[in-house]
Amino acid sequence: MARFCIIPNATHISACLAAMWLLMSPGVALPGNSVTSGTGTEPGIEAFLKGSYVEAARALDQRARARHGPSQYYLGLLHLRGYAGRTDRALAYAWFAAGEANGHAPSRVMRRKLHPRLSIGDLPRAQRLARQYVYQFSGEKIAPSPCFRSAANDLVVPCQSRSL
């Protein structure tokens, strides 16, 4: 059971079970299986599952910018865990939001789990990046604005009143 756990050094069994549930969700690759987009195997996801994180980051970035939900999910995991550089929870949150907007259910689960774990300093940046990434890398055509509510999720940024 632990060999499928995507959380390194997991000390809590519920975290490992949640990770296993995410891996078994539709559209998410399991080791030995492949995720396809109709044209063949996704090399970025295969590289991620093999542990070649730098190679995976390059391939996933290209597919994620082409509005591929599973690639956005795995790119979010790379940033969340720091596998291909430093850990960046705000950027992970943004990629999960884009994946969710593209209809990828595990991205929605991860974004919702990550939201309460963002620090007060990271939250505004995460929400700003999420608005930008949802607009740029998904089918949703909601222009970024100071007040934002996505129809596909519960991502909300409060309006800021400006007083002179």
N, C-alpha and C. Protein backbone atom coordinates (compact mmCIF):
# COMPACT_ATOMS: atom_id res chain seq x y z
N MET A 1 0.82 -1.19 0.00
CA MET A 1 0.00 0.00 0.00
C MET A 1 0.86 1.25 0.00
N ALA A 2 1.94 1.27 0.76
CA ALA A 2 2.76 2.48 0.87
C ALA A 2 3.51 2.82 -0.42
N ARG A 3 3.70 1.83 -1.31
CA ARG A 3 4.43 2.12 -2.53
C ARG A 3 3.67 3.05 -3.46
N PHE A 4 2.36 3.20 -3.30
CA PHE A 4 1.57 4.11 -4.12
C PHE A 4 1.43 5.48 -3.48
N CYS A 5 1.93 5.65 -2.27
CA CYS A 5 1.77 6.92 -1.56
C CYS A 5 2.64 7.99 -2.21
N ILE A 6 2.03 9.12 -2.63
CA ILE A 6 2.78 10.18 -3.30
C ILE A 6 3.30 11.23 -2.33
N ILE A 7 3.00 11.07 -1.05
CA ILE A 7 3.47 12.03 -0.05
C ILE A 7 4.72 11.45 0.58
N PRO A 8 5.91 12.06 0.29
CA PRO A 8 7.13 11.51 0.86
C PRO A 8 7.14 11.59 2.38
N ASN A 9 7.65 10.56 3.02
CA ASN A 9 7.77 10.50 4.46
C ASN A 9 6.42 10.70 5.16
N ALA A 10 5.37 10.15 4.60
CA ALA A 10 4.05 10.29 5.20
C ALA A 10 4.03 9.59 6.55
N THR A 11 3.71 10.33 7.58
CA THR A 11 3.66 9.76 8.92
C THR A 11 2.22 9.50 9.34
N HIS A 12 1.30 10.01 8.61
CA HIS A 12 -0.10 9.85 8.97
C HIS A 12 -0.79 9.01 7.92
N ILE A 13 -1.42 7.94 8.33
CA ILE A 13 -2.02 7.00 7.39
C ILE A 13 -3.12 7.64 6.56
N SER A 14 -3.85 8.60 7.12
CA SER A 14 -4.94 9.22 6.34
C SER A 14 -4.39 10.02 5.17
N ALA A 15 -3.21 10.61 5.33
CA ALA A 15 -2.60 11.35 4.21
C ALA A 15 -2.24 10.39 3.09
N CYS A 16 -1.71 9.23 3.44
CA CYS A 16 -1.36 8.24 2.43
C CYS A 16 -2.60 7.68 1.76
N LEU A 17 -3.64 7.43 2.53
CA LEU A 17 -4.89 6.93 1.95
C LEU A 17 -5.52 7.95 1.03
N ALA A 18 -5.46 9.23 1.40
CA ALA A 18 -5.99 10.28 0.54
C ALA A 18 -5.20 10.35 -0.76
N ALA A 19 -3.89 10.19 -0.66
CA ALA A 19 -3.06 10.21 -1.87
C ALA A 19 -3.40 9.02 -2.76
N MET A 20 -3.63 7.85 -2.17
CA MET A 20 -3.99 6.69 -2.97
C MET A 20 -5.34 6.90 -3.64
N TRP A 21 -6.29 7.52 -2.93
CA TRP A 21 -7.60 7.79 -3.51
C TRP A 21 -7.47 8.72 -4.71
N LEU A 22 -6.62 9.74 -4.58
CA LEU A 22 -6.41 10.66 -5.69
C LEU A 22 -5.81 9.96 -6.89
N LEU A 23 -4.88 9.06 -6.65
CA LEU A 23 -4.25 8.34 -7.76
C LEU A 23 -5.21 7.41 -8.46
N MET A 24 -6.22 6.91 -7.74
CA MET A 24 -7.17 5.99 -8.35
C MET A 24 -8.35 6.72 -8.98
N SER A 25 -8.38 8.04 -8.91
CA SER A 25 -9.47 8.81 -9.50
C SER A 25 -9.37 8.76 -11.02
N PRO A 26 -10.51 8.90 -11.70
CA PRO A 26 -10.48 8.89 -13.17
C PRO A 26 -9.58 9.99 -13.72
N GLY A 27 -8.81 9.66 -14.74
CA GLY A 27 -7.95 10.64 -15.38
C GLY A 27 -6.60 10.80 -14.73
N VAL A 28 -6.33 10.02 -13.68
CA VAL A 28 -5.04 10.10 -13.00
C VAL A 28 -4.30 8.80 -13.22
N ALA A 29 -3.04 8.89 -13.57
CA ALA A 29 -2.26 7.70 -13.90
C ALA A 29 -1.82 6.95 -12.66
N LEU A 30 -1.83 5.66 -12.75
CA LEU A 30 -1.24 4.80 -11.75
C LEU A 30 0.07 4.26 -12.31
N PRO A 31 1.04 3.92 -11.45
CA PRO A 31 2.27 3.34 -11.97
C PRO A 31 1.97 2.10 -12.82
N GLY A 32 2.58 2.07 -14.01
CA GLY A 32 2.35 0.97 -14.92
C GLY A 32 1.26 1.25 -15.93
N ASN A 33 0.41 2.23 -15.67
CA ASN A 33 -0.63 2.62 -16.61
C ASN A 33 -0.20 3.90 -17.30
N SER A 34 -0.93 4.29 -18.33
CA SER A 34 -0.60 5.54 -18.99
C SER A 34 -1.85 6.39 -19.11
N VAL A 35 -1.66 7.69 -19.09
CA VAL A 35 -2.75 8.63 -19.30
C VAL A 35 -2.65 9.08 -20.74
N THR A 36 -3.74 8.98 -21.46
CA THR A 36 -3.70 9.34 -22.86
C THR A 36 -4.62 10.50 -23.13
N SER A 37 -4.33 11.23 -24.19
CA SER A 37 -5.17 12.35 -24.61
C SER A 37 -5.74 12.08 -25.99
N GLY A 38 -5.77 10.84 -26.39
CA GLY A 38 -6.28 10.51 -27.71
C GLY A 38 -5.17 10.40 -28.74
N THR A 39 -3.99 10.95 -28.44
CA THR A 39 -2.88 10.90 -29.40
C THR A 39 -1.75 10.03 -28.90
N GLY A 40 -1.86 9.48 -27.70
CA GLY A 40 -0.80 8.64 -27.18
C GLY A 40 -0.53 8.91 -25.72
N THR A 41 0.57 8.38 -25.22
CA THR A 41 0.95 8.52 -23.82
C THR A 41 1.44 9.92 -23.53
N GLU A 42 1.12 10.42 -22.36
CA GLU A 42 1.60 11.73 -21.92
C GLU A 42 3.00 11.55 -21.32
N PRO A 43 4.03 12.04 -21.99
CA PRO A 43 5.40 11.82 -21.50
C PRO A 43 5.70 12.52 -20.17
N GLY A 44 5.09 13.65 -19.92
CA GLY A 44 5.33 14.36 -18.66
C GLY A 44 4.83 13.59 -17.46
N ILE A 45 3.66 12.98 -17.61
CA ILE A 45 3.10 12.19 -16.51
C ILE A 45 3.90 10.92 -16.32
N GLU A 46 4.31 10.30 -17.41
CA GLU A 46 5.16 9.10 -17.31
C GLU A 46 6.48 9.44 -16.60
N ALA A 47 7.09 10.57 -16.95
CA ALA A 47 8.34 10.98 -16.31
C ALA A 47 8.12 11.24 -14.83
N PHE A 48 6.99 11.86 -14.47
CA PHE A 48 6.67 12.12 -13.06
C PHE A 48 6.59 10.81 -12.29
N LEU A 49 5.87 9.85 -12.85
CA LEU A 49 5.69 8.57 -12.17
C LEU A 49 6.99 7.78 -12.05
N LYS A 50 7.92 8.02 -12.97
CA LYS A 50 9.23 7.35 -12.91
C LYS A 50 10.20 8.08 -11.98
N GLY A 51 9.85 9.29 -11.55
CA GLY A 51 10.71 10.06 -10.65
C GLY A 51 11.67 10.98 -11.36
N SER A 52 11.53 11.17 -12.67
CA SER A 52 12.36 12.11 -13.44
C SER A 52 11.68 13.48 -13.42
N TYR A 53 11.80 14.17 -12.30
CA TYR A 53 11.00 15.37 -12.06
C TYR A 53 11.39 16.57 -12.92
N VAL A 54 12.66 16.73 -13.23
CA VAL A 54 13.08 17.86 -14.07
C VAL A 54 12.54 17.66 -15.49
N GLU A 55 12.68 16.45 -16.00
CA GLU A 55 12.13 16.14 -17.32
C GLU A 55 10.60 16.28 -17.32
N ALA A 56 9.97 15.83 -16.25
CA ALA A 56 8.51 15.93 -16.13
C ALA A 56 8.06 17.38 -16.11
N ALA A 57 8.81 18.23 -15.41
CA ALA A 57 8.44 19.65 -15.32
C ALA A 57 8.41 20.30 -16.70
N ARG A 58 9.41 20.00 -17.52
CA ARG A 58 9.45 20.58 -18.88
C ARG A 58 8.26 20.11 -19.71
N ALA A 59 8.01 18.81 -19.72
CA ALA A 59 6.93 18.26 -20.54
C ALA A 59 5.56 18.68 -20.01
N LEU A 60 5.40 18.65 -18.69
CA LEU A 60 4.11 19.01 -18.11
C LEU A 60 3.79 20.48 -18.32
N ASP A 61 4.79 21.34 -18.25
CA ASP A 61 4.56 22.77 -18.45
C ASP A 61 3.99 23.03 -19.85
N GLN A 62 4.55 22.37 -20.83
CA GLN A 62 4.09 22.56 -22.20
C GLN A 62 2.64 22.09 -22.36
N ARG A 63 2.32 20.91 -21.82
CA ARG A 63 0.94 20.40 -21.93
C ARG A 63 -0.03 21.18 -21.05
N ALA A 64 0.42 21.63 -19.88
CA ALA A 64 -0.45 22.38 -18.99
C ALA A 64 -0.87 23.70 -19.63
N ARG A 65 0.05 24.34 -20.33
CA ARG A 65 -0.27 25.60 -21.01
C ARG A 65 -1.20 25.37 -22.20
N ALA A 66 -1.32 24.11 -22.64
CA ALA A 66 -2.23 23.75 -23.73
C ALA A 66 -3.58 23.27 -23.17
N ARG A 67 -3.87 23.60 -21.92
CA ARG A 67 -5.16 23.34 -21.27
C ARG A 67 -5.43 21.86 -21.00
N HIS A 68 -4.41 21.11 -20.64
CA HIS A 68 -4.55 19.69 -20.31
C HIS A 68 -4.64 19.54 -18.80
N GLY A 69 -5.83 19.23 -18.29
CA GLY A 69 -6.09 19.16 -16.86
C GLY A 69 -5.17 18.24 -16.07
N PRO A 70 -4.96 16.97 -16.49
CA PRO A 70 -4.07 16.11 -15.73
C PRO A 70 -2.63 16.65 -15.66
N SER A 71 -2.15 17.27 -16.72
CA SER A 71 -0.80 17.86 -16.69
C SER A 71 -0.75 19.02 -15.71
N GLN A 72 -1.83 19.80 -15.63
CA GLN A 72 -1.89 20.90 -14.67
C GLN A 72 -1.87 20.36 -13.24
N TYR A 73 -2.54 19.25 -13.02
CA TYR A 73 -2.55 18.60 -11.71
C TYR A 73 -1.14 18.17 -11.30
N TYR A 74 -0.46 17.45 -12.19
CA TYR A 74 0.88 16.97 -11.86
C TYR A 74 1.88 18.10 -11.74
N LEU A 75 1.71 19.16 -12.51
CA LEU A 75 2.58 20.33 -12.36
C LEU A 75 2.35 20.98 -11.00
N GLY A 76 1.10 21.00 -10.58
CA GLY A 76 0.78 21.50 -9.23
C GLY A 76 1.46 20.66 -8.16
N LEU A 77 1.45 19.33 -8.33
CA LEU A 77 2.13 18.45 -7.37
C LEU A 77 3.64 18.73 -7.34
N LEU A 78 4.23 18.95 -8.51
CA LEU A 78 5.67 19.26 -8.56
C LEU A 78 5.99 20.51 -7.74
N HIS A 79 5.17 21.54 -7.89
CA HIS A 79 5.42 22.79 -7.15
C HIS A 79 5.08 22.64 -5.67
N LEU A 80 4.04 21.88 -5.36
CA LEU A 80 3.64 21.69 -3.97
C LEU A 80 4.71 20.97 -3.16
N ARG A 81 5.32 19.96 -3.75
CA ARG A 81 6.32 19.15 -3.05
C ARG A 81 7.76 19.58 -3.31
N GLY A 82 7.96 20.52 -4.24
CA GLY A 82 9.31 21.00 -4.52
C GLY A 82 10.16 19.98 -5.26
N TYR A 83 9.55 19.09 -6.03
CA TYR A 83 10.29 18.05 -6.72
C TYR A 83 11.21 18.58 -7.82
N ALA A 84 10.87 19.69 -8.43
CA ALA A 84 11.68 20.21 -9.54
C ALA A 84 12.23 21.59 -9.21
N GLY A 85 12.49 21.84 -7.96
CA GLY A 85 12.97 23.16 -7.53
C GLY A 85 12.48 23.43 -6.12
N ARG A 86 12.22 24.69 -5.84
CA ARG A 86 11.76 25.02 -4.50
C ARG A 86 10.25 24.84 -4.38
N THR A 87 9.77 24.62 -3.18
CA THR A 87 8.34 24.47 -2.92
C THR A 87 7.66 25.82 -3.10
N ASP A 88 6.56 25.84 -3.84
CA ASP A 88 5.80 27.06 -4.06
C ASP A 88 4.31 26.72 -4.00
N ARG A 89 3.72 26.88 -2.82
CA ARG A 89 2.32 26.52 -2.63
C ARG A 89 1.38 27.41 -3.43
N ALA A 90 1.71 28.68 -3.58
CA ALA A 90 0.85 29.59 -4.34
C ALA A 90 0.78 29.16 -5.81
N LEU A 91 1.91 28.79 -6.37
CA LEU A 91 1.94 28.34 -7.77
C LEU A 91 1.22 26.99 -7.92
N ALA A 92 1.40 26.11 -6.94
CA ALA A 92 0.68 24.83 -6.96
C ALA A 92 -0.82 25.08 -6.93
N TYR A 93 -1.27 25.98 -6.08
CA TYR A 93 -2.68 26.34 -5.98
C TYR A 93 -3.21 26.84 -7.32
N ALA A 94 -2.42 27.66 -8.00
CA ALA A 94 -2.84 28.21 -9.30
C ALA A 94 -2.98 27.10 -10.34
N TRP A 95 -2.04 26.16 -10.38
CA TRP A 95 -2.14 25.07 -11.34
C TRP A 95 -3.32 24.15 -11.02
N PHE A 96 -3.58 23.91 -9.73
CA PHE A 96 -4.74 23.11 -9.35
C PHE A 96 -6.04 23.81 -9.76
N ALA A 97 -6.10 25.13 -9.61
CA ALA A 97 -7.29 25.89 -10.02
C ALA A 97 -7.50 25.80 -11.52
N ALA A 98 -6.42 25.88 -12.29
CA ALA A 98 -6.53 25.76 -13.75
C ALA A 98 -7.00 24.36 -14.13
N GLY A 99 -6.45 23.34 -13.47
CA GLY A 99 -6.87 21.97 -13.75
C GLY A 99 -8.35 21.77 -13.41
N GLU A 100 -8.77 22.35 -12.31
CA GLU A 100 -10.18 22.26 -11.92
C GLU A 100 -11.07 22.93 -12.96
N ALA A 101 -10.66 24.09 -13.43
CA ALA A 101 -11.44 24.80 -14.46
C ALA A 101 -11.51 24.00 -15.76
N ASN A 102 -10.54 23.13 -15.98
CA ASN A 102 -10.54 22.26 -17.17
C ASN A 102 -11.25 20.94 -16.90
N GLY A 103 -11.94 20.84 -15.77
CA GLY A 103 -12.76 19.67 -15.48
C GLY A 103 -12.03 18.50 -14.86
N HIS A 104 -10.85 18.71 -14.32
CA HIS A 104 -10.08 17.63 -13.71
C HIS A 104 -10.41 17.55 -12.22
N ALA A 105 -11.16 16.51 -11.82
CA ALA A 105 -11.65 16.39 -10.45
C ALA A 105 -10.55 16.32 -9.38
N PRO A 106 -9.46 15.56 -9.59
CA PRO A 106 -8.42 15.54 -8.56
C PRO A 106 -7.78 16.91 -8.32
N SER A 107 -7.76 17.76 -9.34
CA SER A 107 -7.24 19.13 -9.16
C SER A 107 -8.12 19.90 -8.19
N ARG A 108 -9.43 19.68 -8.31
CA ARG A 108 -10.36 20.35 -7.41
C ARG A 108 -10.13 19.92 -5.97
N VAL A 109 -9.96 18.62 -5.77
CA VAL A 109 -9.72 18.09 -4.42
C VAL A 109 -8.44 18.68 -3.84
N MET A 110 -7.37 18.70 -4.62
CA MET A 110 -6.10 19.21 -4.11
C MET A 110 -6.16 20.71 -3.84
N ARG A 111 -6.84 21.48 -4.70
CA ARG A 111 -6.96 22.92 -4.48
C ARG A 111 -7.72 23.19 -3.18
N ARG A 112 -8.78 22.46 -2.96
CA ARG A 112 -9.57 22.65 -1.74
C ARG A 112 -8.80 22.24 -0.49
N LYS A 113 -7.97 21.22 -0.60
CA LYS A 113 -7.17 20.80 0.56
C LYS A 113 -6.03 21.78 0.82
N LEU A 114 -5.51 22.38 -0.23
CA LEU A 114 -4.38 23.29 -0.09
C LEU A 114 -4.81 24.65 0.43
N HIS A 115 -6.01 25.09 0.09
CA HIS A 115 -6.46 26.44 0.44
C HIS A 115 -6.29 26.77 1.93
N PRO A 116 -6.77 25.94 2.87
CA PRO A 116 -6.60 26.31 4.29
C PRO A 116 -5.16 26.22 4.78
N ARG A 117 -4.29 25.59 4.00
CA ARG A 117 -2.89 25.45 4.40
C ARG A 117 -2.00 26.58 3.89
N LEU A 118 -2.57 27.49 3.10
CA LEU A 118 -1.79 28.63 2.62
C LEU A 118 -1.63 29.65 3.73
N SER A 119 -0.46 30.22 3.81
CA SER A 119 -0.22 31.24 4.83
C SER A 119 -0.94 32.53 4.43
N ILE A 120 -1.11 33.41 5.37
CA ILE A 120 -1.77 34.69 5.09
C ILE A 120 -0.99 35.46 4.05
N GLY A 121 0.32 35.33 4.03
CA GLY A 121 1.13 36.00 3.03
C GLY A 121 1.02 35.38 1.65
N ASP A 122 0.81 34.05 1.59
CA ASP A 122 0.71 33.36 0.30
C ASP A 122 -0.67 33.44 -0.33
N LEU A 123 -1.71 33.62 0.48
CA LEU A 123 -3.08 33.55 -0.03
C LEU A 123 -3.38 34.58 -1.12
N PRO A 124 -3.07 35.87 -0.94
CA PRO A 124 -3.36 36.83 -2.02
C PRO A 124 -2.62 36.49 -3.33
N ARG A 125 -1.36 36.09 -3.21
CA ARG A 125 -0.59 35.72 -4.40
C ARG A 125 -1.18 34.48 -5.06
N ALA A 126 -1.58 33.50 -4.26
CA ALA A 126 -2.17 32.28 -4.80
C ALA A 126 -3.46 32.58 -5.54
N GLN A 127 -4.30 33.43 -4.98
CA GLN A 127 -5.57 33.76 -5.62
C GLN A 127 -5.36 34.59 -6.89
N ARG A 128 -4.39 35.48 -6.84
CA ARG A 128 -4.09 36.28 -8.04
C ARG A 128 -3.57 35.39 -9.16
N LEU A 129 -2.64 34.50 -8.83
CA LEU A 129 -2.12 33.56 -9.83
C LEU A 129 -3.21 32.63 -10.34
N ALA A 130 -4.09 32.18 -9.45
CA ALA A 130 -5.18 31.29 -9.85
C ALA A 130 -6.10 31.99 -10.84
N ARG A 131 -6.45 33.24 -10.58
CA ARG A 131 -7.29 33.99 -11.53
C ARG A 131 -6.60 34.06 -12.89
N GLN A 132 -5.32 34.37 -12.86
CA GLN A 132 -4.56 34.51 -14.11
C GLN A 132 -4.49 33.17 -14.85
N TYR A 133 -4.17 32.09 -14.14
CA TYR A 133 -4.01 30.78 -14.78
C TYR A 133 -5.34 30.23 -15.28
N VAL A 134 -6.41 30.44 -14.52
CA VAL A 134 -7.73 29.98 -14.98
C VAL A 134 -8.09 30.71 -16.26
N TYR A 135 -7.80 31.99 -16.32
CA TYR A 135 -8.09 32.78 -17.51
C TYR A 135 -7.23 32.35 -18.70
N GLN A 136 -5.93 32.15 -18.44
CA GLN A 136 -4.99 31.83 -19.52
C GLN A 136 -5.04 30.38 -19.97
N PHE A 137 -5.15 29.44 -19.02
CA PHE A 137 -4.93 28.04 -19.32
C PHE A 137 -6.15 27.15 -19.14
N SER A 138 -7.33 27.72 -19.31
CA SER A 138 -8.55 26.91 -19.25
C SER A 138 -9.54 27.43 -20.28
N GLY A 139 -10.64 26.73 -20.40
CA GLY A 139 -11.67 27.15 -21.33
C GLY A 139 -12.53 28.28 -20.79
N GLU A 140 -12.40 28.59 -19.49
CA GLU A 140 -13.20 29.67 -18.90
C GLU A 140 -12.69 31.01 -19.39
N LYS A 141 -13.60 31.80 -19.88
CA LYS A 141 -13.23 33.13 -20.37
C LYS A 141 -13.73 34.20 -19.40
N ILE A 142 -13.22 34.12 -18.19
CA ILE A 142 -13.54 35.11 -17.17
C ILE A 142 -12.32 35.98 -17.04
N ALA A 143 -12.46 37.23 -17.37
CA ALA A 143 -11.32 38.15 -17.29
C ALA A 143 -10.92 38.35 -15.84
N PRO A 144 -9.61 38.40 -15.58
CA PRO A 144 -9.16 38.68 -14.23
C PRO A 144 -9.65 40.05 -13.78
N SER A 145 -10.15 40.11 -12.57
CA SER A 145 -10.62 41.38 -12.02
C SER A 145 -10.41 41.37 -10.52
N PRO A 146 -10.53 42.51 -9.86
CA PRO A 146 -10.36 42.53 -8.41
C PRO A 146 -11.41 41.71 -7.68
N CYS A 147 -12.61 41.58 -8.26
CA CYS A 147 -13.68 40.77 -7.68
C CYS A 147 -13.89 39.58 -8.61
N PHE A 148 -13.73 38.38 -8.10
CA PHE A 148 -13.77 37.21 -8.97
C PHE A 148 -14.50 36.07 -8.30
N ARG A 149 -15.40 35.45 -9.04
CA ARG A 149 -16.02 34.21 -8.60
C ARG A 149 -16.15 33.33 -9.82
N SER A 150 -15.54 32.18 -9.79
CA SER A 150 -15.59 31.27 -10.92
C SER A 150 -16.84 30.41 -10.81
N ALA A 151 -17.49 30.18 -11.92
CA ALA A 151 -18.68 29.33 -11.93
C ALA A 151 -18.30 27.87 -11.67
N ALA A 152 -17.08 27.50 -12.00
CA ALA A 152 -16.66 26.10 -11.89
C ALA A 152 -16.18 25.73 -10.49
N ASN A 153 -15.91 26.74 -9.65
CA ASN A 153 -15.41 26.42 -8.32
C ASN A 153 -15.77 27.51 -7.33
N ASP A 154 -15.26 27.39 -6.13
CA ASP A 154 -15.61 28.36 -5.10
C ASP A 154 -14.49 29.35 -4.83
N LEU A 155 -13.64 29.56 -5.81
CA LEU A 155 -12.53 30.49 -5.68
C LEU A 155 -13.07 31.91 -5.64
N VAL A 156 -12.88 32.60 -4.53
CA VAL A 156 -13.42 33.94 -4.37
C VAL A 156 -12.32 34.87 -3.89
N VAL A 157 -12.23 36.01 -4.52
CA VAL A 157 -11.32 37.06 -4.07
C VAL A 157 -12.18 38.26 -3.72
N PRO A 158 -12.12 38.73 -2.49
CA PRO A 158 -12.99 39.85 -2.10
C PRO A 158 -12.60 41.13 -2.83
N CYS A 159 -13.60 41.97 -3.04
CA CYS A 159 -13.37 43.27 -3.66
C CYS A 159 -12.63 44.14 -2.66
N GLN A 160 -11.75 44.94 -3.16
CA GLN A 160 -11.02 45.86 -2.29
C GLN A 160 -11.52 47.26 -2.55
N SER A 161 -12.01 47.90 -1.52
CA SER A 161 -12.48 49.26 -1.68
C SER A 161 -11.31 50.20 -1.53
N ARG A 162 -11.26 51.18 -2.37
CA ARG A 162 -10.17 52.14 -2.33
C ARG A 162 -10.71 53.48 -1.87
N SER A 163 -10.17 53.97 -0.82
CA SER A 163 -10.60 55.28 -0.33
C SER A 163 -9.50 56.29 -0.59
N LEU A 164 -9.90 57.50 -0.92
CA LEU A 164 -8.91 58.53 -1.20
C LEU A 164 -8.50 59.26 0.04
